[in-house]
Amino acid sequence: MNRSLVMSASLLVLLIAGCATNPAAAPGPQGQPGPQGAAGQDADRGRDGDKGRDGDRGRDGDKGRAGDQGRDGQAAGCPAGEHRFTDRNGAVICVRD
């Protein structure tokens, strides 16, 4: 019973203390707006990209060799398995046998 009395008394004290506090004050009228802030800084520009290097130059092609000359300034004979032939335009060529 002693215990119940102590608990009842403490609950009563808490109830009275809770009711005695002042309610939150209502908000007052709104104040004037403040001054405008300063403008922000401009963003940094990105740096330019690296330029690519020039490509390697190709090497010069091999030069063709001069044709063989026969005796007396005549064109050399045809290789084995071919013979000389003069076409209707007068060009001398080698053709297969």
N, C-alpha and C. Protein backbone atom coordinates (compact mmCIF):
# COMPACT_ATOMS: atom_id res chain seq x y z
N MET A 1 0.83 -1.17 0.00
CA MET A 1 0.00 0.00 0.00
C MET A 1 0.88 1.25 0.00
N ASN A 2 1.93 1.15 0.69
CA ASN A 2 2.88 2.26 0.74
C ASN A 2 3.37 2.56 -0.68
N ARG A 3 3.61 1.52 -1.37
CA ARG A 3 4.08 1.66 -2.73
C ARG A 3 3.04 2.35 -3.61
N SER A 4 1.82 1.99 -3.55
CA SER A 4 0.75 2.59 -4.35
C SER A 4 0.61 4.07 -4.04
N LEU A 5 0.74 4.41 -2.79
CA LEU A 5 0.61 5.81 -2.39
C LEU A 5 1.73 6.65 -3.01
N VAL A 6 2.92 6.14 -3.00
CA VAL A 6 4.06 6.87 -3.55
C VAL A 6 3.88 7.02 -5.06
N MET A 7 3.43 5.98 -5.73
CA MET A 7 3.23 6.05 -7.17
C MET A 7 2.09 7.01 -7.52
N SER A 8 1.04 6.98 -6.80
CA SER A 8 -0.08 7.88 -7.06
C SER A 8 0.34 9.33 -6.86
N ALA A 9 1.12 9.58 -5.83
CA ALA A 9 1.55 10.95 -5.55
C ALA A 9 2.48 11.44 -6.68
N SER A 10 3.37 10.59 -7.14
CA SER A 10 4.29 11.03 -8.19
C SER A 10 3.54 11.25 -9.52
N LEU A 11 2.54 10.44 -9.82
CA LEU A 11 1.75 10.65 -11.03
C LEU A 11 0.95 11.95 -10.94
N LEU A 12 0.43 12.25 -9.78
CA LEU A 12 -0.31 13.49 -9.58
C LEU A 12 0.58 14.71 -9.77
N VAL A 13 1.82 14.62 -9.29
CA VAL A 13 2.77 15.73 -9.44
C VAL A 13 3.09 15.93 -10.93
N LEU A 14 3.30 14.85 -11.65
CA LEU A 14 3.59 14.96 -13.08
C LEU A 14 2.41 15.54 -13.85
N LEU A 15 1.20 15.15 -13.51
CA LEU A 15 0.01 15.65 -14.17
C LEU A 15 -0.14 17.15 -13.94
N ILE A 16 0.05 17.60 -12.72
CA ILE A 16 -0.08 19.03 -12.40
C ILE A 16 1.04 19.82 -13.07
N ALA A 17 2.26 19.28 -13.10
CA ALA A 17 3.38 19.98 -13.72
C ALA A 17 3.17 20.10 -15.23
N GLY A 18 2.61 19.08 -15.85
CA GLY A 18 2.35 19.12 -17.29
C GLY A 18 1.30 20.14 -17.65
N CYS A 19 0.29 20.31 -16.84
CA CYS A 19 -0.78 21.27 -17.13
C CYS A 19 -0.34 22.70 -16.85
N ALA A 20 0.61 22.88 -15.98
CA ALA A 20 1.01 24.22 -15.56
C ALA A 20 1.95 24.88 -16.57
N THR A 21 2.54 24.13 -17.48
CA THR A 21 3.46 24.76 -18.41
C THR A 21 2.70 25.59 -19.42
N ASN A 22 3.33 26.67 -19.90
CA ASN A 22 2.70 27.56 -20.88
C ASN A 22 2.70 26.89 -22.25
N PRO A 23 1.60 27.02 -22.99
CA PRO A 23 1.60 26.46 -24.34
C PRO A 23 2.56 27.25 -25.23
N ALA A 24 2.95 26.67 -26.33
CA ALA A 24 3.89 27.32 -27.24
C ALA A 24 3.27 28.60 -27.76
N ALA A 25 4.06 29.64 -27.84
CA ALA A 25 3.56 30.94 -28.28
C ALA A 25 3.23 30.87 -29.78
N ALA A 26 2.18 31.55 -30.18
CA ALA A 26 1.79 31.60 -31.59
C ALA A 26 2.80 32.48 -32.33
N PRO A 27 3.10 32.16 -33.57
CA PRO A 27 4.08 32.96 -34.30
C PRO A 27 3.56 34.37 -34.55
N GLY A 28 4.48 35.34 -34.48
CA GLY A 28 4.12 36.74 -34.69
C GLY A 28 4.09 37.08 -36.18
N PRO A 29 3.90 38.33 -36.50
CA PRO A 29 3.86 38.73 -37.90
C PRO A 29 5.22 38.53 -38.57
N GLN A 30 5.17 38.29 -39.88
CA GLN A 30 6.38 38.02 -40.65
C GLN A 30 7.19 39.30 -40.79
N GLY A 31 8.53 39.20 -40.67
CA GLY A 31 9.41 40.37 -40.81
C GLY A 31 9.65 40.69 -42.29
N GLN A 32 10.33 41.78 -42.55
CA GLN A 32 10.66 42.20 -43.91
C GLN A 32 11.73 41.26 -44.48
N PRO A 33 11.71 41.03 -45.80
CA PRO A 33 12.73 40.16 -46.38
C PRO A 33 14.11 40.82 -46.32
N GLY A 34 15.14 40.02 -46.21
CA GLY A 34 16.52 40.52 -46.12
C GLY A 34 17.03 40.96 -47.49
N PRO A 35 18.21 41.58 -47.52
CA PRO A 35 18.78 42.04 -48.79
C PRO A 35 19.18 40.86 -49.69
N GLN A 36 19.23 41.13 -50.98
CA GLN A 36 19.60 40.10 -51.96
C GLN A 36 21.07 39.73 -51.78
N GLY A 37 21.40 38.47 -51.89
CA GLY A 37 22.78 38.01 -51.78
C GLY A 37 23.59 38.36 -53.02
N ALA A 38 24.91 38.31 -52.90
CA ALA A 38 25.80 38.62 -54.02
C ALA A 38 25.75 37.49 -55.06
N ALA A 39 26.05 37.83 -56.30
CA ALA A 39 26.05 36.84 -57.38
C ALA A 39 27.20 35.85 -57.18
N GLY A 40 27.01 34.62 -57.62
CA GLY A 40 28.05 33.60 -57.49
C GLY A 40 29.15 33.79 -58.52
N GLN A 41 30.26 33.11 -58.33
CA GLN A 41 31.40 33.19 -59.25
C GLN A 41 31.09 32.44 -60.54
N ASP A 42 31.72 32.89 -61.64
CA ASP A 42 31.61 32.15 -62.89
C ASP A 42 32.35 30.83 -62.76
N ALA A 43 31.88 29.84 -63.47
CA ALA A 43 32.52 28.52 -63.43
C ALA A 43 33.84 28.56 -64.20
N ASP A 44 34.79 27.74 -63.81
CA ASP A 44 36.08 27.64 -64.52
C ASP A 44 35.87 26.98 -65.87
N ARG A 45 36.57 27.46 -66.90
CA ARG A 45 36.52 26.82 -68.22
C ARG A 45 37.39 25.58 -68.19
N GLY A 46 36.94 24.55 -68.85
CA GLY A 46 37.77 23.35 -68.95
C GLY A 46 38.96 23.62 -69.86
N ARG A 47 40.02 22.87 -69.70
CA ARG A 47 41.20 23.10 -70.53
C ARG A 47 41.04 22.36 -71.85
N ASP A 48 41.75 22.85 -72.87
CA ASP A 48 41.68 22.24 -74.19
C ASP A 48 42.30 20.84 -74.15
N GLY A 49 41.76 19.96 -74.97
CA GLY A 49 42.30 18.60 -75.04
C GLY A 49 43.63 18.56 -75.79
N ASP A 50 44.38 17.51 -75.59
CA ASP A 50 45.66 17.34 -76.28
C ASP A 50 45.41 17.08 -77.76
N LYS A 51 46.28 17.63 -78.60
CA LYS A 51 46.15 17.39 -80.03
C LYS A 51 46.84 16.07 -80.36
N GLY A 52 46.25 15.33 -81.26
CA GLY A 52 46.86 14.06 -81.68
C GLY A 52 48.12 14.31 -82.50
N ARG A 53 49.01 13.35 -82.52
CA ARG A 53 50.25 13.53 -83.27
C ARG A 53 50.03 13.12 -84.72
N ASP A 54 50.89 13.62 -85.60
CA ASP A 54 50.78 13.28 -87.01
C ASP A 54 51.08 11.80 -87.22
N GLY A 55 50.42 11.22 -88.18
CA GLY A 55 50.64 9.81 -88.48
C GLY A 55 51.98 9.59 -89.18
N ASP A 56 52.48 8.37 -89.15
CA ASP A 56 53.73 8.04 -89.82
C ASP A 56 53.54 8.06 -91.33
N ARG A 57 54.55 8.52 -92.04
CA ARG A 57 54.49 8.52 -93.50
C ARG A 57 54.80 7.13 -94.01
N GLY A 58 54.11 6.73 -95.04
CA GLY A 58 54.40 5.44 -95.66
C GLY A 58 55.71 5.50 -96.42
N ARG A 59 56.33 4.38 -96.60
CA ARG A 59 57.62 4.37 -97.31
C ARG A 59 57.37 4.37 -98.81
N ASP A 60 58.34 4.83 -99.54
CA ASP A 60 58.23 4.87 -101.00
C ASP A 60 58.21 3.45 -101.55
N GLY A 61 57.47 3.27 -102.62
CA GLY A 61 57.38 1.96 -103.26
C GLY A 61 58.67 1.62 -104.00
N ASP A 62 58.87 0.34 -104.25
CA ASP A 62 60.05 -0.11 -105.00
C ASP A 62 59.91 0.31 -106.46
N LYS A 63 61.01 0.67 -107.06
CA LYS A 63 61.00 1.03 -108.47
C LYS A 63 61.08 -0.24 -109.29
N GLY A 64 60.36 -0.25 -110.40
CA GLY A 64 60.43 -1.40 -111.30
C GLY A 64 61.78 -1.43 -112.01
N ARG A 65 62.21 -2.60 -112.37
CA ARG A 65 63.51 -2.69 -113.04
C ARG A 65 63.31 -2.55 -114.54
N ALA A 66 64.31 -2.10 -115.19
CA ALA A 66 64.25 -1.91 -116.64
C ALA A 66 64.25 -3.27 -117.33
N GLY A 67 63.59 -3.35 -118.48
CA GLY A 67 63.54 -4.61 -119.23
C GLY A 67 64.89 -4.94 -119.84
N ASP A 68 65.10 -6.21 -120.03
CA ASP A 68 66.36 -6.65 -120.66
C ASP A 68 66.36 -6.28 -122.14
N GLN A 69 67.49 -5.97 -122.65
CA GLN A 69 67.64 -5.65 -124.08
C GLN A 69 68.38 -6.82 -124.76
N GLY A 70 67.92 -7.15 -125.91
CA GLY A 70 68.59 -8.19 -126.68
C GLY A 70 69.73 -7.59 -127.51
N ARG A 71 70.33 -8.40 -128.34
CA ARG A 71 71.41 -7.91 -129.21
C ARG A 71 70.86 -6.91 -130.21
N ASP A 72 71.69 -6.01 -130.61
CA ASP A 72 71.37 -5.00 -131.62
C ASP A 72 70.16 -4.14 -131.20
N GLY A 73 69.96 -3.95 -129.91
CA GLY A 73 68.87 -3.08 -129.46
C GLY A 73 67.49 -3.69 -129.57
N GLN A 74 67.40 -4.97 -129.87
CA GLN A 74 66.11 -5.63 -129.99
C GLN A 74 65.65 -6.08 -128.60
N ALA A 75 64.36 -6.25 -128.45
CA ALA A 75 63.82 -6.71 -127.17
C ALA A 75 64.28 -8.14 -126.91
N ALA A 76 64.50 -8.48 -125.68
CA ALA A 76 64.98 -9.81 -125.31
C ALA A 76 63.91 -10.84 -125.62
N GLY A 77 64.34 -12.08 -125.75
CA GLY A 77 63.41 -13.16 -126.02
C GLY A 77 62.50 -13.42 -124.82
N CYS A 78 61.50 -14.24 -125.07
CA CYS A 78 60.53 -14.55 -124.00
C CYS A 78 61.10 -15.64 -123.11
N PRO A 79 60.64 -15.73 -121.87
CA PRO A 79 61.09 -16.79 -120.97
C PRO A 79 60.64 -18.16 -121.46
N ALA A 80 61.15 -19.20 -120.82
CA ALA A 80 60.82 -20.56 -121.20
C ALA A 80 59.32 -20.78 -121.07
N GLY A 81 58.74 -21.47 -122.06
CA GLY A 81 57.31 -21.76 -122.03
C GLY A 81 56.47 -20.66 -122.67
N GLU A 82 57.12 -19.60 -123.23
CA GLU A 82 56.40 -18.52 -123.88
C GLU A 82 57.09 -18.19 -125.20
N HIS A 83 56.35 -17.56 -126.13
CA HIS A 83 56.93 -17.11 -127.38
C HIS A 83 56.45 -15.70 -127.69
N ARG A 84 57.21 -15.05 -128.61
CA ARG A 84 56.87 -13.67 -128.97
C ARG A 84 55.65 -13.66 -129.89
N PHE A 85 54.83 -12.62 -129.69
CA PHE A 85 53.64 -12.46 -130.51
C PHE A 85 53.43 -10.98 -130.75
N THR A 86 53.13 -10.59 -131.97
CA THR A 86 52.85 -9.20 -132.31
C THR A 86 51.34 -9.07 -132.49
N ASP A 87 50.72 -8.22 -131.66
CA ASP A 87 49.27 -8.06 -131.77
C ASP A 87 48.93 -7.11 -132.92
N ARG A 88 47.64 -6.88 -133.20
CA ARG A 88 47.24 -6.08 -134.35
C ARG A 88 47.62 -4.61 -134.23
N ASN A 89 47.97 -4.13 -133.03
CA ASN A 89 48.43 -2.76 -132.84
C ASN A 89 49.94 -2.63 -133.06
N GLY A 90 50.62 -3.73 -133.29
CA GLY A 90 52.04 -3.71 -133.52
C GLY A 90 52.88 -3.90 -132.26
N ALA A 91 52.26 -4.12 -131.12
CA ALA A 91 53.00 -4.34 -129.87
C ALA A 91 53.45 -5.79 -129.81
N VAL A 92 54.70 -5.99 -129.41
CA VAL A 92 55.25 -7.34 -129.29
C VAL A 92 55.12 -7.75 -127.82
N ILE A 93 54.47 -8.92 -127.63
CA ILE A 93 54.27 -9.42 -126.26
C ILE A 93 54.66 -10.89 -126.23
N CYS A 94 54.84 -11.40 -125.03
CA CYS A 94 55.11 -12.82 -124.85
C CYS A 94 53.82 -13.51 -124.47
N VAL A 95 53.52 -14.64 -125.09
CA VAL A 95 52.34 -15.43 -124.76
C VAL A 95 52.74 -16.83 -124.45
N ARG A 96 51.93 -17.54 -123.73
CA ARG A 96 52.22 -18.93 -123.35
C ARG A 96 52.17 -19.82 -124.58
N ASP A 97 53.05 -20.83 -124.57
CA ASP A 97 53.08 -21.78 -125.68
C ASP A 97 51.85 -22.63 -125.67
